Each structure stands twice: as C-alpha cells, then as structure tokens.
Amino acid sequence: MSVSANYPTPVWVNGYQCRNCSDVDLAKKHIDPAHPKSGPFNVDAKSDPSRILQDAVQFGGLLAGTRAGGAGPGPAAASATGTQFDLRA
C-alpha cells in the first residue's frame, strides 16, 4: 500500500476521519487510521501502544474523578447555584 499526498479536506469513511487514500483503505476495513494497531472494530485497543497516553490527563477541583473528553462533572457539582451558564447563543 503506497502513501499518497494528503487530501485538501479530510473525508469520513465508516465514521473515521481520513486524510489520504491509505487512511481510506484502512477505514473501509473498519480499522481506525489514527490507531491502525487496534485492528478492525478496535478489538486490540487494549494492547495498542498508541492508545496508552489517552489517560495521561488528571483533573483536579470540580473536575476530579472525570475522564478527559468525558461528560464533565457529576450532578452534585452541577447543582451548585451560580455555577452553570449556557454558551449557546
């Protein structure tokens, strides 16, 4: 499989963002181009060395106990008066 130049705009194939034709080939096989060693449908994700750094961030304060990219603080933190606001306009 040869690597081509990157596309001017990434495309999505089977839910994976693809930047070139090599990524598209992997995505057609249901392999995440960002983590190809995880295998099809991420069956080998636990043993993929490229996924080790996902839990490298640890939050403190109100975010302690949450995961990076997670849903955010739990209901107890959200119920405090004056701590919520909506950024949607």
N, C-alpha and C. Protein backbone atom coordinates (compact mmCIF):
# COMPACT_ATOMS: atom_id res chain seq x y z
N MET A 1 0.86 -1.17 0.00
CA MET A 1 0.00 0.00 0.00
C MET A 1 0.90 1.23 0.00
N SER A 2 0.72 2.11 -0.93
CA SER A 2 1.54 3.32 -1.01
C SER A 2 0.83 4.49 -0.34
N VAL A 3 1.61 5.39 0.21
CA VAL A 3 1.07 6.56 0.88
C VAL A 3 1.00 7.69 -0.12
N SER A 4 -0.14 8.33 -0.22
CA SER A 4 -0.30 9.45 -1.15
C SER A 4 -0.27 10.77 -0.39
N ALA A 5 -0.37 11.82 -1.13
CA ALA A 5 -0.44 13.15 -0.52
C ALA A 5 -1.76 13.31 0.21
N ASN A 6 -1.76 14.18 1.19
CA ASN A 6 -2.98 14.42 1.97
C ASN A 6 -4.02 15.12 1.12
N TYR A 7 -5.29 14.81 1.41
CA TYR A 7 -6.41 15.48 0.74
C TYR A 7 -6.47 16.93 1.22
N PRO A 8 -6.97 17.84 0.39
CA PRO A 8 -7.11 19.23 0.85
C PRO A 8 -8.11 19.35 2.00
N THR A 9 -9.13 18.51 2.00
CA THR A 9 -10.13 18.46 3.06
C THR A 9 -10.31 17.01 3.47
N PRO A 10 -10.19 16.68 4.76
CA PRO A 10 -10.37 15.29 5.18
C PRO A 10 -11.77 14.77 4.82
N VAL A 11 -11.86 13.49 4.57
CA VAL A 11 -13.14 12.84 4.28
C VAL A 11 -13.43 11.85 5.40
N TRP A 12 -14.69 11.44 5.52
CA TRP A 12 -15.11 10.49 6.55
C TRP A 12 -15.54 9.20 5.87
N VAL A 13 -14.98 8.08 6.32
CA VAL A 13 -15.34 6.76 5.81
C VAL A 13 -15.61 5.86 7.01
N ASN A 14 -16.79 5.28 7.08
CA ASN A 14 -17.19 4.40 8.18
C ASN A 14 -16.98 5.05 9.55
N GLY A 15 -17.15 6.36 9.62
CA GLY A 15 -17.03 7.07 10.88
C GLY A 15 -15.61 7.48 11.24
N TYR A 16 -14.64 7.22 10.38
CA TYR A 16 -13.25 7.57 10.63
C TYR A 16 -12.83 8.73 9.74
N GLN A 17 -12.07 9.68 10.29
CA GLN A 17 -11.57 10.79 9.51
C GLN A 17 -10.36 10.32 8.72
N CYS A 18 -10.39 10.53 7.41
CA CYS A 18 -9.33 10.06 6.53
C CYS A 18 -8.69 11.25 5.83
N ARG A 19 -7.36 11.27 5.83
CA ARG A 19 -6.62 12.38 5.23
C ARG A 19 -5.98 12.02 3.90
N ASN A 20 -5.91 10.72 3.55
CA ASN A 20 -5.35 10.30 2.27
C ASN A 20 -5.93 8.93 1.89
N CYS A 21 -5.52 8.42 0.74
CA CYS A 21 -6.12 7.17 0.26
C CYS A 21 -5.71 5.98 1.12
N SER A 22 -4.57 6.03 1.78
CA SER A 22 -4.18 4.95 2.69
C SER A 22 -5.12 4.88 3.89
N ASP A 23 -5.50 6.05 4.41
CA ASP A 23 -6.47 6.10 5.51
C ASP A 23 -7.81 5.55 5.06
N VAL A 24 -8.22 5.88 3.83
CA VAL A 24 -9.49 5.39 3.30
C VAL A 24 -9.48 3.87 3.20
N ASP A 25 -8.36 3.30 2.73
CA ASP A 25 -8.25 1.84 2.64
C ASP A 25 -8.42 1.19 4.01
N LEU A 26 -7.80 1.76 5.03
CA LEU A 26 -7.95 1.22 6.38
C LEU A 26 -9.38 1.36 6.89
N ALA A 27 -9.97 2.54 6.68
CA ALA A 27 -11.33 2.79 7.17
C ALA A 27 -12.35 1.86 6.50
N LYS A 28 -12.14 1.52 5.24
CA LYS A 28 -13.04 0.59 4.56
C LYS A 28 -13.02 -0.79 5.22
N LYS A 29 -11.91 -1.11 5.88
CA LYS A 29 -11.78 -2.39 6.60
C LYS A 29 -12.18 -2.24 8.07
N HIS A 30 -12.78 -1.09 8.43
CA HIS A 30 -13.20 -0.77 9.80
C HIS A 30 -12.02 -0.71 10.76
N ILE A 31 -10.88 -0.21 10.26
CA ILE A 31 -9.69 0.00 11.08
C ILE A 31 -9.50 1.50 11.22
N ASP A 32 -9.37 1.98 12.44
CA ASP A 32 -9.19 3.40 12.70
C ASP A 32 -7.82 3.84 12.17
N PRO A 33 -7.78 4.75 11.18
CA PRO A 33 -6.49 5.19 10.63
C PRO A 33 -5.59 5.85 11.67
N ALA A 34 -6.16 6.45 12.71
CA ALA A 34 -5.36 7.08 13.75
C ALA A 34 -4.71 6.03 14.66
N HIS A 35 -5.29 4.84 14.74
CA HIS A 35 -4.78 3.76 15.60
C HIS A 35 -4.89 2.43 14.85
N PRO A 36 -4.12 2.24 13.79
CA PRO A 36 -4.27 1.02 12.99
C PRO A 36 -3.93 -0.26 13.73
N LYS A 37 -3.07 -0.20 14.76
CA LYS A 37 -2.71 -1.41 15.50
C LYS A 37 -3.84 -1.90 16.39
N SER A 38 -4.91 -1.12 16.53
CA SER A 38 -6.06 -1.55 17.31
C SER A 38 -6.91 -2.57 16.56
N GLY A 39 -6.66 -2.73 15.27
CA GLY A 39 -7.35 -3.73 14.48
C GLY A 39 -8.76 -3.31 14.11
N PRO A 40 -9.44 -4.17 13.34
CA PRO A 40 -10.82 -3.87 12.94
C PRO A 40 -11.73 -3.77 14.16
N PHE A 41 -12.58 -2.77 14.15
CA PHE A 41 -13.54 -2.52 15.23
C PHE A 41 -12.84 -2.36 16.59
N ASN A 42 -11.56 -1.98 16.59
CA ASN A 42 -10.77 -1.74 17.81
C ASN A 42 -10.70 -2.95 18.74
N VAL A 43 -10.66 -4.16 18.17
CA VAL A 43 -10.65 -5.36 19.01
C VAL A 43 -9.36 -5.50 19.81
N ASP A 44 -8.26 -4.92 19.33
CA ASP A 44 -6.99 -5.00 20.03
C ASP A 44 -6.60 -3.67 20.67
N ALA A 45 -7.57 -2.83 20.99
CA ALA A 45 -7.31 -1.49 21.50
C ALA A 45 -6.56 -1.52 22.83
N LYS A 46 -6.82 -2.50 23.68
CA LYS A 46 -6.16 -2.54 24.99
C LYS A 46 -4.66 -2.80 24.88
N SER A 47 -4.23 -3.48 23.82
CA SER A 47 -2.81 -3.77 23.65
C SER A 47 -2.13 -2.83 22.65
N ASP A 48 -2.84 -1.83 22.16
CA ASP A 48 -2.29 -0.88 21.18
C ASP A 48 -1.45 0.17 21.90
N PRO A 49 -0.14 0.22 21.64
CA PRO A 49 0.70 1.19 22.34
C PRO A 49 0.38 2.65 22.01
N SER A 50 -0.26 2.91 20.90
CA SER A 50 -0.59 4.31 20.55
C SER A 50 -1.75 4.84 21.38
N ARG A 51 -2.45 4.01 22.13
CA ARG A 51 -3.58 4.45 22.95
C ARG A 51 -3.20 4.60 24.43
N ILE A 52 -1.97 4.38 24.79
CA ILE A 52 -1.55 4.44 26.19
C ILE A 52 -1.72 5.83 26.78
N LEU A 53 -1.47 6.87 26.01
CA LEU A 53 -1.49 8.24 26.52
C LEU A 53 -2.88 8.82 26.69
N GLN A 54 -3.93 8.10 26.38
CA GLN A 54 -5.28 8.64 26.48
C GLN A 54 -5.66 9.02 27.91
N ASP A 55 -5.16 8.33 28.91
CA ASP A 55 -5.50 8.61 30.30
C ASP A 55 -4.40 9.40 31.00
N ALA A 56 -3.59 10.14 30.25
CA ALA A 56 -2.47 10.87 30.82
C ALA A 56 -2.91 12.15 31.53
N VAL A 57 -4.12 12.64 31.28
CA VAL A 57 -4.60 13.87 31.89
C VAL A 57 -5.37 13.54 33.17
N GLN A 58 -5.02 14.23 34.26
CA GLN A 58 -5.75 14.06 35.51
C GLN A 58 -6.26 15.43 35.95
N PHE A 59 -7.55 15.54 36.16
CA PHE A 59 -8.17 16.80 36.55
C PHE A 59 -8.20 16.93 38.07
N GLY A 60 -8.23 18.17 38.53
CA GLY A 60 -8.37 18.44 39.95
C GLY A 60 -9.58 19.32 40.19
N GLY A 61 -9.88 19.65 41.43
CA GLY A 61 -11.01 20.51 41.76
C GLY A 61 -12.34 19.86 41.42
N LEU A 62 -13.25 20.63 40.82
CA LEU A 62 -14.57 20.09 40.48
C LEU A 62 -14.49 19.00 39.42
N LEU A 63 -13.43 19.00 38.62
CA LEU A 63 -13.31 18.00 37.56
C LEU A 63 -12.62 16.72 38.03
N ALA A 64 -12.17 16.66 39.27
CA ALA A 64 -11.51 15.46 39.79
C ALA A 64 -12.46 14.28 39.67
N GLY A 65 -11.95 13.19 39.21
CA GLY A 65 -12.76 11.98 39.06
C GLY A 65 -13.43 11.85 37.71
N THR A 66 -13.26 12.84 36.84
CA THR A 66 -13.83 12.74 35.49
C THR A 66 -12.72 12.37 34.53
N ARG A 67 -13.10 11.87 33.36
CA ARG A 67 -12.13 11.50 32.33
C ARG A 67 -12.01 12.61 31.31
N ALA A 68 -10.82 12.75 30.72
CA ALA A 68 -10.63 13.72 29.64
C ALA A 68 -11.56 13.35 28.49
N GLY A 69 -12.32 14.30 27.99
CA GLY A 69 -13.27 14.04 26.92
C GLY A 69 -14.55 13.42 27.42
N GLY A 70 -14.72 13.34 28.72
CA GLY A 70 -15.91 12.73 29.31
C GLY A 70 -17.06 13.69 29.38
N ALA A 71 -18.05 13.34 30.15
CA ALA A 71 -19.28 14.12 30.24
C ALA A 71 -19.16 15.31 31.16
N GLY A 72 -18.06 15.45 31.89
CA GLY A 72 -17.90 16.58 32.79
C GLY A 72 -18.25 16.21 34.21
N PRO A 73 -18.33 17.21 35.09
CA PRO A 73 -18.60 16.92 36.49
C PRO A 73 -19.97 16.29 36.69
N GLY A 74 -20.09 15.58 37.78
CA GLY A 74 -21.33 14.87 38.07
C GLY A 74 -22.44 15.81 38.52
N PRO A 75 -23.63 15.27 38.83
CA PRO A 75 -24.77 16.08 39.20
C PRO A 75 -24.56 16.92 40.45
N ALA A 76 -23.75 16.46 41.40
CA ALA A 76 -23.54 17.23 42.63
C ALA A 76 -22.86 18.56 42.31
N ALA A 77 -21.88 18.57 41.44
CA ALA A 77 -21.19 19.80 41.09
C ALA A 77 -22.07 20.70 40.23
N ALA A 78 -22.92 20.11 39.41
CA ALA A 78 -23.77 20.90 38.52
C ALA A 78 -24.93 21.55 39.26
N SER A 79 -25.27 21.06 40.46
CA SER A 79 -26.43 21.60 41.16
C SER A 79 -26.11 22.84 41.98
N ALA A 80 -24.85 23.20 42.12
CA ALA A 80 -24.48 24.38 42.90
C ALA A 80 -25.00 25.64 42.21
N THR A 81 -25.64 26.53 42.97
CA THR A 81 -26.23 27.74 42.42
C THR A 81 -25.13 28.66 41.89
N GLY A 82 -25.35 29.19 40.69
CA GLY A 82 -24.44 30.15 40.09
C GLY A 82 -23.23 29.54 39.39
N THR A 83 -23.17 28.22 39.27
CA THR A 83 -22.01 27.62 38.64
C THR A 83 -22.28 27.20 37.21
N GLN A 84 -23.51 27.37 36.73
CA GLN A 84 -23.84 26.95 35.38
C GLN A 84 -24.14 28.15 34.51
N PHE A 85 -23.75 28.06 33.26
CA PHE A 85 -24.18 29.03 32.26
C PHE A 85 -24.16 28.35 30.92
N ASP A 86 -24.91 28.88 29.98
CA ASP A 86 -25.07 28.28 28.66
C ASP A 86 -24.36 29.16 27.64
N LEU A 87 -23.40 28.56 26.92
CA LEU A 87 -22.66 29.31 25.92
C LEU A 87 -23.36 29.39 24.58
N ARG A 88 -24.41 28.60 24.41
CA ARG A 88 -25.13 28.63 23.11
C ARG A 88 -25.87 29.94 22.97
N ALA A 89 -25.77 30.53 21.80
CA ALA A 89 -26.45 31.81 21.58
C ALA A 89 -27.60 31.64 20.62
